[in-house]
Amino acid sequence: QLQLVESGGGLVQPGGSLRLSCAASGFTLDAYGIGWFRQAPGKEREKLTCIRRRVGVTDFTYYADSLKGRFTISRDNAKNTVYLQMNSLKPDDTAVYYCAAINAQDCYVHPSAYSYWGQGTQVTVTS
């Protein structure tokens, strides 16, 4: 059974950092595109970044312009885990963060195109 489990969320002060993890089971994570999304109360789910499924040795990543270089996605094939490093966090980053998997070459697509989702992890940025 294909499963994704997020972890690493929590409470952090503005300007702080967190690293979220997305651990996969039941499939090889680099055979899928993996995206990170977030959803704040009363708002639509927002796509943040994704990493394409592995073709060759190069990882292709994509980011929302709004992130302005604060977030970084990476993949550890040995651990079958994708990470989201978040720096310079702001109160507006407060949301539930989700990872998801898509069986397609393109990963920077609408959330509805993703087939598998984790349960989400809460990130709260407050002083």
C-alpha atoms as a PDB file:
ATOM      1  CA  GLN A   1       0.000   0.000   0.000  1.00  0.00           C
ATOM      2  CA  LEU A   2       1.435   3.343  -1.059  1.00  0.00           C
ATOM      3  CA  GLN A   3       1.739   5.717   1.878  1.00  0.00           C
ATOM      4  CA  LEU A   4       3.245   9.119   2.628  1.00  0.00           C
ATOM      5  CA  VAL A   5       3.862  10.361   6.147  1.00  0.00           C
ATOM      6  CA  GLU A   6       4.882  13.921   6.945  1.00  0.00           C
ATOM      7  CA  SER A   7       6.708  14.951  10.089  1.00  0.00           C
ATOM      8  CA  GLY A   8       8.738  17.841  11.448  1.00  0.00           C
ATOM      9  CA  GLY A   9       6.072  20.465  11.892  1.00  0.00           C
ATOM     10  CA  GLY A  10       5.716  22.506  15.035  1.00  0.00           C
ATOM     11  CA  LEU A  11       5.800  25.916  16.610  1.00  0.00           C
ATOM     12  CA  VAL A  12       8.553  28.319  15.572  1.00  0.00           C
ATOM     13  CA  GLN A  13       9.275  32.005  16.002  1.00  0.00           C
ATOM     14  CA  PRO A  14       9.412  34.380  13.025  1.00  0.00           C
ATOM     15  CA  GLY A  15      12.781  34.146  11.339  1.00  0.00           C
ATOM     16  CA  GLY A  16      13.248  30.563  12.462  1.00  0.00           C
ATOM     17  CA  SER A  17      13.657  27.372  10.454  1.00  0.00           C
ATOM     18  CA  LEU A  18      12.041  23.972  10.211  1.00  0.00           C
ATOM     19  CA  ARG A  19      12.717  20.890   8.147  1.00  0.00           C
ATOM     20  CA  LEU A  20       9.745  18.805   7.143  1.00  0.00           C
ATOM     21  CA  SER A  21      10.099  15.179   6.128  1.00  0.00           C
ATOM     22  CA  CYS A  22       7.937  13.135   3.797  1.00  0.00           C
ATOM     23  CA  ALA A  23       8.629   9.431   4.222  1.00  0.00           C
ATOM     24  CA  ALA A  24       7.285   7.004   1.631  1.00  0.00           C
ATOM     25  CA  SER A  25       6.353   3.371   2.030  1.00  0.00           C
ATOM     26  CA  GLY A  26       5.004   0.903  -0.474  1.00  0.00           C
ATOM     27  CA  PHE A  27       6.798   2.500  -3.417  1.00  0.00           C
ATOM     28  CA  THR A  28      10.134   3.915  -4.467  1.00  0.00           C
ATOM     29  CA  LEU A  29       9.874   7.617  -3.948  1.00  0.00           C
ATOM     30  CA  ASP A  30      12.146   8.709  -6.804  1.00  0.00           C
ATOM     31  CA  ALA A  31       9.857   6.948  -9.302  1.00  0.00           C
ATOM     32  CA  TYR A  32       7.242   9.630  -8.600  1.00  0.00           C
ATOM     33  CA  GLY A  33       7.138  13.376  -8.663  1.00  0.00           C
ATOM     34  CA  ILE A  34       6.806  14.678  -5.112  1.00  0.00           C
ATOM     35  CA  GLY A  35       5.246  17.988  -4.254  1.00  0.00           C
ATOM     36  CA  TRP A  36       4.835  20.046  -1.110  1.00  0.00           C
ATOM     37  CA  PHE A  37       1.661  22.008  -0.553  1.00  0.00           C
ATOM     38  CA  ARG A  38       0.126  23.946   2.267  1.00  0.00           C
ATOM     39  CA  GLN A  39      -3.315  25.005   3.321  1.00  0.00           C
ATOM     40  CA  ALA A  40      -4.136  27.762   5.769  1.00  0.00           C
ATOM     41  CA  PRO A  41      -7.586  28.074   7.375  1.00  0.00           C
ATOM     42  CA  GLY A  42     -10.098  29.485   4.922  1.00  0.00           C
ATOM     43  CA  LYS A  43      -7.683  29.337   1.995  1.00  0.00           C
ATOM     44  CA  GLU A  44      -7.183  27.034  -0.954  1.00  0.00           C
ATOM     45  CA  ARG A  45      -4.418  24.486  -0.998  1.00  0.00           C
ATOM     46  CA  GLU A  46      -1.298  26.178  -2.328  1.00  0.00           C
ATOM     47  CA  LYS A  47       1.482  24.488  -4.261  1.00  0.00           C
ATOM     48  CA  LEU A  48       4.937  25.351  -3.008  1.00  0.00           C
ATOM     49  CA  THR A  49       7.556  23.208  -4.653  1.00  0.00           C
ATOM     50  CA  CYS A  50       8.108  19.854  -6.274  1.00  0.00           C
ATOM     51  CA  ILE A  51      10.838  17.530  -7.421  1.00  0.00           C
ATOM     52  CA  ARG A  52      10.436  15.495 -10.593  1.00  0.00           C
ATOM     53  CA  ARG A  53      10.697  11.750 -10.621  1.00  0.00           C
ATOM     54  CA  ARG A  54      14.273  10.685 -11.219  1.00  0.00           C
ATOM     55  CA  VAL A  55      15.418  10.524 -14.831  1.00  0.00           C
ATOM     56  CA  GLY A  56      19.178  10.242 -15.149  1.00  0.00           C
ATOM     57  CA  VAL A  57      21.268  11.826 -12.426  1.00  0.00           C
ATOM     58  CA  THR A  58      19.792  15.317 -12.300  1.00  0.00           C
ATOM     59  CA  ASP A  59      16.970  16.315  -9.978  1.00  0.00           C
ATOM     60  CA  PHE A  60      14.651  18.938 -11.422  1.00  0.00           C
ATOM     61  CA  THR A  61      12.941  21.129  -8.861  1.00  0.00           C
ATOM     62  CA  TYR A  62      10.363  23.882  -9.125  1.00  0.00           C
ATOM     63  CA  TYR A  63       9.330  26.593  -6.682  1.00  0.00           C
ATOM     64  CA  ALA A  64       6.541  29.067  -6.265  1.00  0.00           C
ATOM     65  CA  ASP A  65       7.786  32.611  -6.878  1.00  0.00           C
ATOM     66  CA  SER A  66       6.292  33.687  -3.560  1.00  0.00           C
ATOM     67  CA  LEU A  67       8.821  31.591  -1.641  1.00  0.00           C
ATOM     68  CA  LYS A  68      11.692  33.837  -2.789  1.00  0.00           C
ATOM     69  CA  GLY A  69      14.362  31.264  -2.098  1.00  0.00           C
ATOM     70  CA  ARG A  70      13.379  30.572   1.515  1.00  0.00           C
ATOM     71  CA  PHE A  71      12.334  26.950   0.960  1.00  0.00           C
ATOM     72  CA  THR A  72      14.368  24.081  -0.481  1.00  0.00           C
ATOM     73  CA  ILE A  73      13.156  20.644  -1.528  1.00  0.00           C
ATOM     74  CA  SER A  74      15.506  17.682  -1.534  1.00  0.00           C
ATOM     75  CA  ARG A  75      15.369  13.911  -1.765  1.00  0.00           C
ATOM     76  CA  ASP A  76      17.288  11.164   0.041  1.00  0.00           C
ATOM     77  CA  ASN A  77      16.837   8.005  -1.993  1.00  0.00           C
ATOM     78  CA  ALA A  78      18.514   5.828   0.620  1.00  0.00           C
ATOM     79  CA  LYS A  79      15.899   6.869   3.175  1.00  0.00           C
ATOM     80  CA  ASN A  80      13.055   7.051   0.638  1.00  0.00           C
ATOM     81  CA  THR A  81      12.301  10.497   2.010  1.00  0.00           C
ATOM     82  CA  VAL A  82      11.784  13.981   0.613  1.00  0.00           C
ATOM     83  CA  TYR A  83      12.530  17.028   2.722  1.00  0.00           C
ATOM     84  CA  LEU A  84      11.356  20.607   2.780  1.00  0.00           C
ATOM     85  CA  GLN A  85      13.823  22.953   4.415  1.00  0.00           C
ATOM     86  CA  MET A  86      12.082  26.173   5.424  1.00  0.00           C
ATOM     87  CA  ASN A  87      14.080  29.217   6.469  1.00  0.00           C
ATOM     88  CA  SER A  88      13.219  32.786   7.454  1.00  0.00           C
ATOM     89  CA  LEU A  89       9.734  31.699   8.421  1.00  0.00           C
ATOM     90  CA  LYS A  90       6.980  34.280   8.666  1.00  0.00           C
ATOM     91  CA  PRO A  91       3.583  34.225  10.389  1.00  0.00           C
ATOM     92  CA  ASP A  92       2.003  33.953   6.901  1.00  0.00           C
ATOM     93  CA  ASP A  93       3.700  30.551   6.547  1.00  0.00           C
ATOM     94  CA  THR A  94       1.387  29.160   9.211  1.00  0.00           C
ATOM     95  CA  ALA A  95      -0.565  26.294   7.646  1.00  0.00           C
ATOM     96  CA  VAL A  96      -0.905  22.548   7.411  1.00  0.00           C
ATOM     97  CA  TYR A  97       1.820  21.266   5.115  1.00  0.00           C
ATOM     98  CA  TYR A  98       1.256  18.240   2.895  1.00  0.00           C
ATOM     99  CA  CYS A  99       3.420  16.161   0.640  1.00  0.00           C
ATOM    100  CA  ALA A 100       1.951  14.312  -2.310  1.00  0.00           C
ATOM    101  CA  ALA A 101       3.046  11.978  -5.094  1.00  0.00           C
ATOM    102  CA  ILE A 102       2.231  12.142  -8.787  1.00  0.00           C
ATOM    103  CA  ASN A 103       2.898   9.437 -11.358  1.00  0.00           C
ATOM    104  CA  ALA A 104       3.777  11.814 -14.165  1.00  0.00           C
ATOM    105  CA  GLN A 105       6.771  13.627 -15.571  1.00  0.00           C
ATOM    106  CA  ASP A 106       5.458  17.082 -14.763  1.00  0.00           C
ATOM    107  CA  CYS A 107       5.150  17.788 -11.076  1.00  0.00           C
ATOM    108  CA  TYR A 108       4.513  21.552 -10.887  1.00  0.00           C
ATOM    109  CA  VAL A 109       0.807  21.137 -11.523  1.00  0.00           C
ATOM    110  CA  HIS A 110      -2.502  21.698  -9.753  1.00  0.00           C
ATOM    111  CA  PRO A 111      -2.913  19.748  -6.513  1.00  0.00           C
ATOM    112  CA  SER A 112      -5.859  17.853  -7.993  1.00  0.00           C
ATOM    113  CA  ALA A 113      -3.453  16.067 -10.341  1.00  0.00           C
ATOM    114  CA  TYR A 114      -1.703  14.364  -7.433  1.00  0.00           C
ATOM    115  CA  SER A 115      -2.871  10.867  -6.560  1.00  0.00           C
ATOM    116  CA  TYR A 116      -1.361  10.185  -3.144  1.00  0.00           C
ATOM    117  CA  TRP A 117      -1.319  12.466  -0.119  1.00  0.00           C
ATOM    118  CA  GLY A 118       0.062  12.420   3.365  1.00  0.00           C
ATOM    119  CA  GLN A 119      -1.976  13.362   6.392  1.00  0.00           C
ATOM    120  CA  GLY A 120      -0.320  16.755   6.818  1.00  0.00           C
ATOM    121  CA  THR A 121       1.788  18.373   9.514  1.00  0.00           C
ATOM    122  CA  GLN A 122       0.980  21.654  11.247  1.00  0.00           C
ATOM    123  CA  VAL A 123       3.447  24.537  11.060  1.00  0.00           C
ATOM    124  CA  THR A 124       2.751  27.550  13.264  1.00  0.00           C
ATOM    125  CA  VAL A 125       4.923  30.644  13.092  1.00  0.00           C
ATOM    126  CA  THR A 126       4.312  33.023  15.960  1.00  0.00           C
ATOM    127  CA  SER A 127       6.150  35.089  18.506  1.00  0.00           C
END
